[in-house]
């Protein structure tokens, strides 16, 4: 299966599960199984595709899936 198909399938799955096109801190905690402090560390990392709207920090599902795949194949930040 091509990487584009994997990304597309995962984006669709997460969009349906969370019923939105973006993820918040609590959503990323649920997906990764990590605690609040570790996810905050990830959100504040230089390479994480974070969007900020005032005090609200989010990441689009597409950007998160691509980031997650990149980090998991290269020995990522949350091992």
PDB file of N, CA and C in Angstrom:
ATOM      1  N   UNK A   1       0.844  -1.178   0.000  1.00  0.00           N
ATOM      2  CA  UNK A   1       0.000   0.000   0.000  1.00  0.00           C
ATOM      3  C   UNK A   1       0.891   1.243   0.000  1.00  0.00           C
ATOM      4  N   UNK A   2       0.552   2.207  -0.791  1.00  0.00           N
ATOM      5  CA  UNK A   2       1.334   3.433  -0.881  1.00  0.00           C
ATOM      6  C   UNK A   2       1.104   4.312   0.340  1.00  0.00           C
ATOM      7  N   UNK A   3       2.126   5.099   0.648  1.00  0.00           N
ATOM      8  CA  UNK A   3       2.065   5.972   1.815  1.00  0.00           C
ATOM      9  C   UNK A   3       0.900   6.952   1.731  1.00  0.00           C
ATOM     10  N   UNK A   4       0.594   7.432   0.537  1.00  0.00           N
ATOM     11  CA  UNK A   4      -0.518   8.371   0.368  1.00  0.00           C
ATOM     12  C   UNK A   4      -1.847   7.734   0.761  1.00  0.00           C
ATOM     13  N   UNK A   5      -2.009   6.474   0.418  1.00  0.00           N
ATOM     14  CA  UNK A   5      -3.238   5.757   0.767  1.00  0.00           C
ATOM     15  C   UNK A   5      -3.320   5.535   2.275  1.00  0.00           C
ATOM     16  N   UNK A   6      -2.193   5.241   2.902  1.00  0.00           N
ATOM     17  CA  UNK A   6      -2.165   5.062   4.360  1.00  0.00           C
ATOM     18  C   UNK A   6      -2.523   6.366   5.071  1.00  0.00           C
ATOM     19  N   UNK A   7      -1.932   7.455   4.616  1.00  0.00           N
ATOM     20  CA  UNK A   7      -2.214   8.758   5.213  1.00  0.00           C
ATOM     21  C   UNK A   7      -3.692   9.109   5.047  1.00  0.00           C
ATOM     22  N   UNK A   8      -4.192   8.938   3.861  1.00  0.00           N
ATOM     23  CA  UNK A   8      -5.595   9.240   3.580  1.00  0.00           C
ATOM     24  C   UNK A   8      -6.542   8.419   4.456  1.00  0.00           C
ATOM     25  N   UNK A   9      -6.267   7.139   4.587  1.00  0.00           N
ATOM     26  CA  UNK A   9      -7.108   6.261   5.401  1.00  0.00           C
ATOM     27  C   UNK A   9      -7.075   6.666   6.873  1.00  0.00           C
ATOM     28  N   UNK A  10      -5.889   7.020   7.373  1.00  0.00           N
ATOM     29  CA  UNK A  10      -5.772   7.410   8.783  1.00  0.00           C
ATOM     30  C   UNK A  10      -6.434   8.761   9.040  1.00  0.00           C
ATOM     31  N   UNK A  11      -6.290   9.688   8.123  1.00  0.00           N
ATOM     32  CA  UNK A  11      -6.949  10.992   8.264  1.00  0.00           C
ATOM     33  C   UNK A  11      -8.469  10.807   8.289  1.00  0.00           C
ATOM     34  N   UNK A  12      -8.965   9.988   7.406  1.00  0.00           N
ATOM     35  CA  UNK A  12     -10.408   9.731   7.369  1.00  0.00           C
ATOM     36  C   UNK A  12     -10.881   9.063   8.667  1.00  0.00           C
ATOM     37  N   UNK A  13     -10.124   8.096   9.150  1.00  0.00           N
ATOM     38  CA  UNK A  13     -10.485   7.394  10.384  1.00  0.00           C
ATOM     39  C   UNK A  13     -10.543   8.355  11.570  1.00  0.00           C
ATOM     40  N   UNK A  14      -9.504   9.178  11.721  1.00  0.00           N
ATOM     41  CA  UNK A  14      -9.457  10.111  12.852  1.00  0.00           C
ATOM     42  C   UNK A  14     -10.505  11.213  12.718  1.00  0.00           C
ATOM     43  N   UNK A  15     -10.752  11.669  11.509  1.00  0.00           N
ATOM     44  CA  UNK A  15     -11.782  12.694  11.299  1.00  0.00           C
ATOM     45  C   UNK A  15     -13.153  12.175  11.711  1.00  0.00           C
ATOM     46  N   UNK A  16     -13.425  10.941  11.371  1.00  0.00           N
ATOM     47  CA  UNK A  16     -14.707  10.340  11.767  1.00  0.00           C
ATOM     48  C   UNK A  16     -14.770  10.112  13.268  1.00  0.00           C
ATOM     49  N   UNK A  17     -13.678   9.626  13.851  1.00  0.00           N
ATOM     50  CA  UNK A  17     -13.661   9.332  15.281  1.00  0.00           C
ATOM     51  C   UNK A  17     -13.891  10.582  16.120  1.00  0.00           C
ATOM     52  N   UNK A  18     -13.209  11.677  15.776  1.00  0.00           N
ATOM     53  CA  UNK A  18     -13.297  12.899  16.568  1.00  0.00           C
ATOM     54  C   UNK A  18     -14.320  13.896  16.020  1.00  0.00           C
ATOM     55  N   UNK A  19     -14.878  13.604  14.846  1.00  0.00           N
ATOM     56  CA  UNK A  19     -15.904  14.437  14.217  1.00  0.00           C
ATOM     57  C   UNK A  19     -15.449  15.887  14.021  1.00  0.00           C
ATOM     58  N   UNK A  20     -14.177  16.028  13.620  1.00  0.00           N
ATOM     59  CA  UNK A  20     -13.625  17.345  13.314  1.00  0.00           C
ATOM     60  C   UNK A  20     -12.354  17.162  12.481  1.00  0.00           C
ATOM     61  N   UNK A  21     -11.824  18.272  11.963  1.00  0.00           N
ATOM     62  CA  UNK A  21     -10.650  18.221  11.091  1.00  0.00           C
ATOM     63  C   UNK A  21      -9.355  18.586  11.807  1.00  0.00           C
ATOM     64  N   UNK A  22      -9.446  18.840  13.089  1.00  0.00           N
ATOM     65  CA  UNK A  22      -8.272  19.225  13.867  1.00  0.00           C
ATOM     66  C   UNK A  22      -8.260  18.463  15.185  1.00  0.00           C
ATOM     67  N   UNK A  23      -7.104  18.476  15.838  1.00  0.00           N
ATOM     68  CA  UNK A  23      -6.956  17.796  17.116  1.00  0.00           C
ATOM     69  C   UNK A  23      -6.489  18.791  18.169  1.00  0.00           C
ATOM     70  N   UNK A  24      -6.975  18.599  19.369  1.00  0.00           N
ATOM     71  CA  UNK A  24      -6.547  19.388  20.511  1.00  0.00           C
ATOM     72  C   UNK A  24      -5.652  18.509  21.377  1.00  0.00           C
ATOM     73  N   UNK A  25      -5.092  19.089  22.417  1.00  0.00           N
ATOM     74  CA  UNK A  25      -4.192  18.378  23.316  1.00  0.00           C
ATOM     75  C   UNK A  25      -4.805  17.071  23.810  1.00  0.00           C
ATOM     76  N   UNK A  26      -6.037  17.126  24.277  1.00  0.00           N
ATOM     77  CA  UNK A  26      -6.683  15.924  24.830  1.00  0.00           C
ATOM     78  C   UNK A  26      -6.860  14.834  23.773  1.00  0.00           C
ATOM     79  N   UNK A  27      -7.085  15.239  22.519  1.00  0.00           N
ATOM     80  CA  UNK A  27      -7.230  14.262  21.439  1.00  0.00           C
ATOM     81  C   UNK A  27      -5.904  13.559  21.170  1.00  0.00           C
ATOM     82  N   UNK A  28      -4.824  14.334  21.147  1.00  0.00           N
ATOM     83  CA  UNK A  28      -3.501  13.752  20.910  1.00  0.00           C
ATOM     84  C   UNK A  28      -3.116  12.846  22.080  1.00  0.00           C
ATOM     85  N   UNK A  29      -3.512  13.211  23.286  1.00  0.00           N
ATOM     86  CA  UNK A  29      -3.274  12.342  24.445  1.00  0.00           C
ATOM     87  C   UNK A  29      -3.967  10.996  24.244  1.00  0.00           C
ATOM     88  N   UNK A  30      -5.205  11.036  23.785  1.00  0.00           N
ATOM     89  CA  UNK A  30      -5.967   9.803  23.566  1.00  0.00           C
ATOM     90  C   UNK A  30      -5.335   8.947  22.466  1.00  0.00           C
ATOM     91  N   UNK A  31      -4.933   9.575  21.380  1.00  0.00           N
ATOM     92  CA  UNK A  31      -4.353   8.842  20.245  1.00  0.00           C
ATOM     93  C   UNK A  31      -3.024   8.198  20.617  1.00  0.00           C
ATOM     94  N   UNK A  32      -2.164   8.953  21.292  1.00  0.00           N
ATOM     95  CA  UNK A  32      -0.807   8.469  21.581  1.00  0.00           C
ATOM     96  C   UNK A  32      -0.708   7.670  22.870  1.00  0.00           C
ATOM     97  N   UNK A  33      -1.657   7.885  23.788  1.00  0.00           N
ATOM     98  CA  UNK A  33      -1.576   7.222  25.081  1.00  0.00           C
ATOM     99  C   UNK A  33      -0.586   7.893  26.018  1.00  0.00           C
ATOM    100  N   UNK A  34      -0.154   9.087  25.663  1.00  0.00           N
ATOM    101  CA  UNK A  34       0.808   9.822  26.478  1.00  0.00           C
ATOM    102  C   UNK A  34       0.094  10.758  27.432  1.00  0.00           C
ATOM    103  N   UNK A  35       0.813  11.164  28.464  1.00  0.00           N
ATOM    104  CA  UNK A  35       0.255  12.079  29.447  1.00  0.00           C
ATOM    105  C   UNK A  35       0.287  13.523  28.967  1.00  0.00           C
ATOM    106  N   UNK A  36      -0.382  14.374  29.724  1.00  0.00           N
ATOM    107  CA  UNK A  36      -0.505  15.789  29.378  1.00  0.00           C
ATOM    108  C   UNK A  36       0.852  16.478  29.228  1.00  0.00           C
ATOM    109  N   UNK A  37       1.779  16.240  30.152  1.00  0.00           N
ATOM    110  CA  UNK A  37       3.079  16.912  30.088  1.00  0.00           C
ATOM    111  C   UNK A  37       3.862  16.518  28.841  1.00  0.00           C
ATOM    112  N   UNK A  38       3.850  15.255  28.491  1.00  0.00           N
ATOM    113  CA  UNK A  38       4.581  14.796  27.316  1.00  0.00           C
ATOM    114  C   UNK A  38       3.959  15.354  26.037  1.00  0.00           C
ATOM    115  N   UNK A  39       2.631  15.388  25.972  1.00  0.00           N
ATOM    116  CA  UNK A  39       1.976  15.929  24.785  1.00  0.00           C
ATOM    117  C   UNK A  39       2.234  17.431  24.688  1.00  0.00           C
ATOM    118  N   UNK A  40       2.257  18.133  25.811  1.00  0.00           N
ATOM    119  CA  UNK A  40       2.616  19.561  25.778  1.00  0.00           C
ATOM    120  C   UNK A  40       4.035  19.736  25.257  1.00  0.00           C
ATOM    121  N   UNK A  41       4.937  18.857  25.665  1.00  0.00           N
ATOM    122  CA  UNK A  41       6.309  18.904  25.170  1.00  0.00           C
ATOM    123  C   UNK A  41       6.331  18.710  23.648  1.00  0.00           C
ATOM    124  N   UNK A  42       5.542  17.770  23.168  1.00  0.00           N
ATOM    125  CA  UNK A  42       5.445  17.532  21.718  1.00  0.00           C
ATOM    126  C   UNK A  42       4.864  18.762  21.026  1.00  0.00           C
ATOM    127  N   UNK A  43       3.785  19.330  21.581  1.00  0.00           N
ATOM    128  CA  UNK A  43       3.160  20.510  20.995  1.00  0.00           C
ATOM    129  C   UNK A  43       4.156  21.668  20.901  1.00  0.00           C
ATOM    130  N   UNK A  44       5.066  21.756  21.847  1.00  0.00           N
ATOM    131  CA  UNK A  44       6.039  22.853  21.868  1.00  0.00           C
ATOM    132  C   UNK A  44       7.329  22.534  21.117  1.00  0.00           C
ATOM    133  N   UNK A  45       7.446  21.321  20.579  1.00  0.00           N
ATOM    134  CA  UNK A  45       8.665  20.968  19.848  1.00  0.00           C
ATOM    135  C   UNK A  45       8.716  21.727  18.526  1.00  0.00           C
ATOM    136  N   UNK A  46       9.918  21.960  18.077  1.00  0.00           N
ATOM    137  CA  UNK A  46      10.171  22.780  16.889  1.00  0.00           C
ATOM    138  C   UNK A  46       9.538  22.211  15.617  1.00  0.00           C
ATOM    139  N   UNK A  47       9.531  20.888  15.479  1.00  0.00           N
ATOM    140  CA  UNK A  47       9.058  20.275  14.236  1.00  0.00           C
ATOM    141  C   UNK A  47       7.581  19.893  14.244  1.00  0.00           C
ATOM    142  N   UNK A  48       6.866  20.181  15.334  1.00  0.00           N
ATOM    143  CA  UNK A  48       5.454  19.810  15.402  1.00  0.00           C
ATOM    144  C   UNK A  48       4.609  20.866  14.695  1.00  0.00           C
ATOM    145  N   UNK A  49       3.680  20.452  13.818  1.00  0.00           N
ATOM    146  CA  UNK A  49       2.894  21.390  12.999  1.00  0.00           C
ATOM    147  C   UNK A  49       1.718  22.023  13.740  1.00  0.00           C
ATOM    148  N   UNK A  50       2.011  22.772  14.769  1.00  0.00           N
ATOM    149  CA  UNK A  50       1.000  23.351  15.644  1.00  0.00           C
ATOM    150  C   UNK A  50       0.408  24.631  15.054  1.00  0.00           C
ATOM    151  N   UNK A  51      -0.880  24.815  15.270  1.00  0.00           N
ATOM    152  CA  UNK A  51      -1.558  26.063  14.932  1.00  0.00           C
ATOM    153  C   UNK A  51      -2.088  26.646  16.229  1.00  0.00           C
ATOM    154  N   UNK A  52      -1.917  27.936  16.403  1.00  0.00           N
ATOM    155  CA  UNK A  52      -2.420  28.603  17.603  1.00  0.00           C
ATOM    156  C   UNK A  52      -3.464  29.634  17.224  1.00  0.00           C
ATOM    157  N   UNK A  53      -4.568  29.599  17.933  1.00  0.00           N
ATOM    158  CA  UNK A  53      -5.643  30.564  17.761  1.00  0.00           C
ATOM    159  C   UNK A  53      -5.914  31.164  19.135  1.00  0.00           C
ATOM    160  N   UNK A  54      -5.257  32.276  19.422  1.00  0.00           N
ATOM    161  CA  UNK A  54      -5.340  32.830  20.764  1.00  0.00           C
ATOM    162  C   UNK A  54      -4.636  31.885  21.713  1.00  0.00           C
ATOM    163  N   UNK A  55      -5.350  31.427  22.722  1.00  0.00           N
ATOM    164  CA  UNK A  55      -4.772  30.479  23.682  1.00  0.00           C
ATOM    165  C   UNK A  55      -4.988  29.028  23.276  1.00  0.00           C
ATOM    166  N   UNK A  56      -5.793  28.809  22.245  1.00  0.00           N
ATOM    167  CA  UNK A  56      -6.113  27.446  21.817  1.00  0.00           C
ATOM    168  C   UNK A  56      -5.064  26.942  20.831  1.00  0.00           C
ATOM    169  N   UNK A  57      -4.489  25.785  21.144  1.00  0.00           N
ATOM    170  CA  UNK A  57      -3.493  25.167  20.279  1.00  0.00           C
ATOM    171  C   UNK A  57      -4.096  23.917  19.661  1.00  0.00           C
ATOM    172  N   UNK A  58      -3.984  23.823  18.340  1.00  0.00           N
ATOM    173  CA  UNK A  58      -4.520  22.668  17.627  1.00  0.00           C
ATOM    174  C   UNK A  58      -3.542  22.244  16.540  1.00  0.00           C
ATOM    175  N   UNK A  59      -3.819  21.099  15.963  1.00  0.00           N
ATOM    176  CA  UNK A  59      -3.072  20.598  14.813  1.00  0.00           C
ATOM    177  C   UNK A  59      -4.097  19.967  13.873  1.00  0.00           C
ATOM    178  N   UNK A  60      -3.946  20.223  12.575  1.00  0.00           N
ATOM    179  CA  UNK A  60      -4.867  19.569  11.653  1.00  0.00           C
ATOM    180  C   UNK A  60      -4.585  18.067  11.677  1.00  0.00           C
ATOM    181  N   UNK A  61      -5.598  17.292  11.432  1.00  0.00           N
ATOM    182  CA  UNK A  61      -5.423  15.836  11.441  1.00  0.00           C
ATOM    183  C   UNK A  61      -4.432  15.413  10.369  1.00  0.00           C
ATOM    184  N   UNK A  62      -4.511  16.016   9.199  1.00  0.00           N
ATOM    185  CA  UNK A  62      -3.577  15.678   8.124  1.00  0.00           C
ATOM    186  C   UNK A  62      -2.135  15.943   8.560  1.00  0.00           C
ATOM    187  N   UNK A  63      -1.873  17.119   9.120  1.00  0.00           N
ATOM    188  CA  UNK A  63      -0.517  17.465   9.556  1.00  0.00           C
ATOM    189  C   UNK A  63      -0.049  16.524  10.669  1.00  0.00           C
ATOM    190  N   UNK A  64      -0.952  16.184  11.588  1.00  0.00           N
ATOM    191  CA  UNK A  64      -0.588  15.280  12.682  1.00  0.00           C
ATOM    192  C   UNK A  64      -0.225  13.899  12.164  1.00  0.00           C
ATOM    193  N   UNK A  65      -1.020  13.365  11.261  1.00  0.00           N
ATOM    194  CA  UNK A  65      -0.763  12.021  10.723  1.00  0.00           C
ATOM    195  C   UNK A  65       0.578  11.991   9.997  1.00  0.00           C
ATOM    196  N   UNK A  66       0.845  13.002   9.187  1.00  0.00           N
ATOM    197  CA  UNK A  66       2.130  13.058   8.479  1.00  0.00           C
ATOM    198  C   UNK A  66       3.278  13.176   9.471  1.00  0.00           C
ATOM    199  N   UNK A  67       3.129  14.045  10.467  1.00  0.00           N
ATOM    200  CA  UNK A  67       4.161  14.205  11.495  1.00  0.00           C
ATOM    201  C   UNK A  67       4.384  12.889  12.249  1.00  0.00           C
ATOM    202  N   UNK A  68       3.301  12.225  12.613  1.00  0.00           N
ATOM    203  CA  UNK A  68       3.393  10.985  13.374  1.00  0.00           C
ATOM    204  C   UNK A  68       4.094   9.893  12.571  1.00  0.00           C
ATOM    205  N   UNK A  69       3.755   9.766  11.308  1.00  0.00           N
ATOM    206  CA  UNK A  69       4.401   8.758  10.465  1.00  0.00           C
ATOM    207  C   UNK A  69       5.883   9.057  10.301  1.00  0.00           C
ATOM    208  N   UNK A  70       6.211  10.305  10.096  1.00  0.00           N
ATOM    209  CA  UNK A  70       7.614  10.703   9.952  1.00  0.00           C
ATOM    210  C   UNK A  70       8.396  10.389  11.217  1.00  0.00           C
ATOM    211  N   UNK A  71       7.834  10.709  12.370  1.00  0.00           N
ATOM    212  CA  UNK A  71       8.527  10.489  13.633  1.00  0.00           C
ATOM    213  C   UNK A  71       8.602   9.017  14.007  1.00  0.00           C
ATOM    214  N   UNK A  72       7.581   8.249  13.684  1.00  0.00           N
ATOM    215  CA  UNK A  72       7.607   6.825  14.012  1.00  0.00           C
ATOM    216  C   UNK A  72       8.579   6.054  13.135  1.00  0.00           C
ATOM    217  N   UNK A  73       8.827   6.516  11.930  1.00  0.00           N
ATOM    218  CA  UNK A  73       9.756   5.800  11.061  1.00  0.00           C
ATOM    219  C   UNK A  73      11.192   6.244  11.275  1.00  0.00           C
ATOM    220  N   UNK A  74      11.399   7.383  11.952  1.00  0.00           N
ATOM    221  CA  UNK A  74      12.743   7.875  12.187  1.00  0.00           C
ATOM    222  C   UNK A  74      13.142   7.858  13.653  1.00  0.00           C
ATOM    223  N   UNK A  75      12.452   7.112  14.486  1.00  0.00           N
ATOM    224  CA  UNK A  75      12.779   7.109  15.907  1.00  0.00           C
ATOM    225  C   UNK A  75      12.376   8.405  16.561  1.00  0.00           C
ATOM    226  N   UNK A  76      11.104   8.644  16.591  1.00  0.00           N
ATOM    227  CA  UNK A  76      10.559   9.939  16.962  1.00  0.00           C
ATOM    228  C   UNK A  76      10.686  10.356  18.408  1.00  0.00           C
ATOM    229  N   UNK A  77      10.064  11.462  18.683  1.00  0.00           N
ATOM    230  CA  UNK A  77      10.175  12.155  19.966  1.00  0.00           C
ATOM    231  C   UNK A  77       9.496  11.419  21.117  1.00  0.00           C
ATOM    232  N   UNK A  78       8.480  10.643  20.845  1.00  0.00           N
ATOM    233  CA  UNK A  78       7.757  10.017  21.966  1.00  0.00           C
ATOM    234  C   UNK A  78       7.937   8.514  22.032  1.00  0.00           C
ATOM    235  N   UNK A  79       9.163   8.105  22.050  1.00  0.00           N
ATOM    236  CA  UNK A  79       9.459   6.670  22.190  1.00  0.00           C
ATOM    237  C   UNK A  79       9.483   6.281  23.645  1.00  0.00           C
TER     238      UNK A  79
END
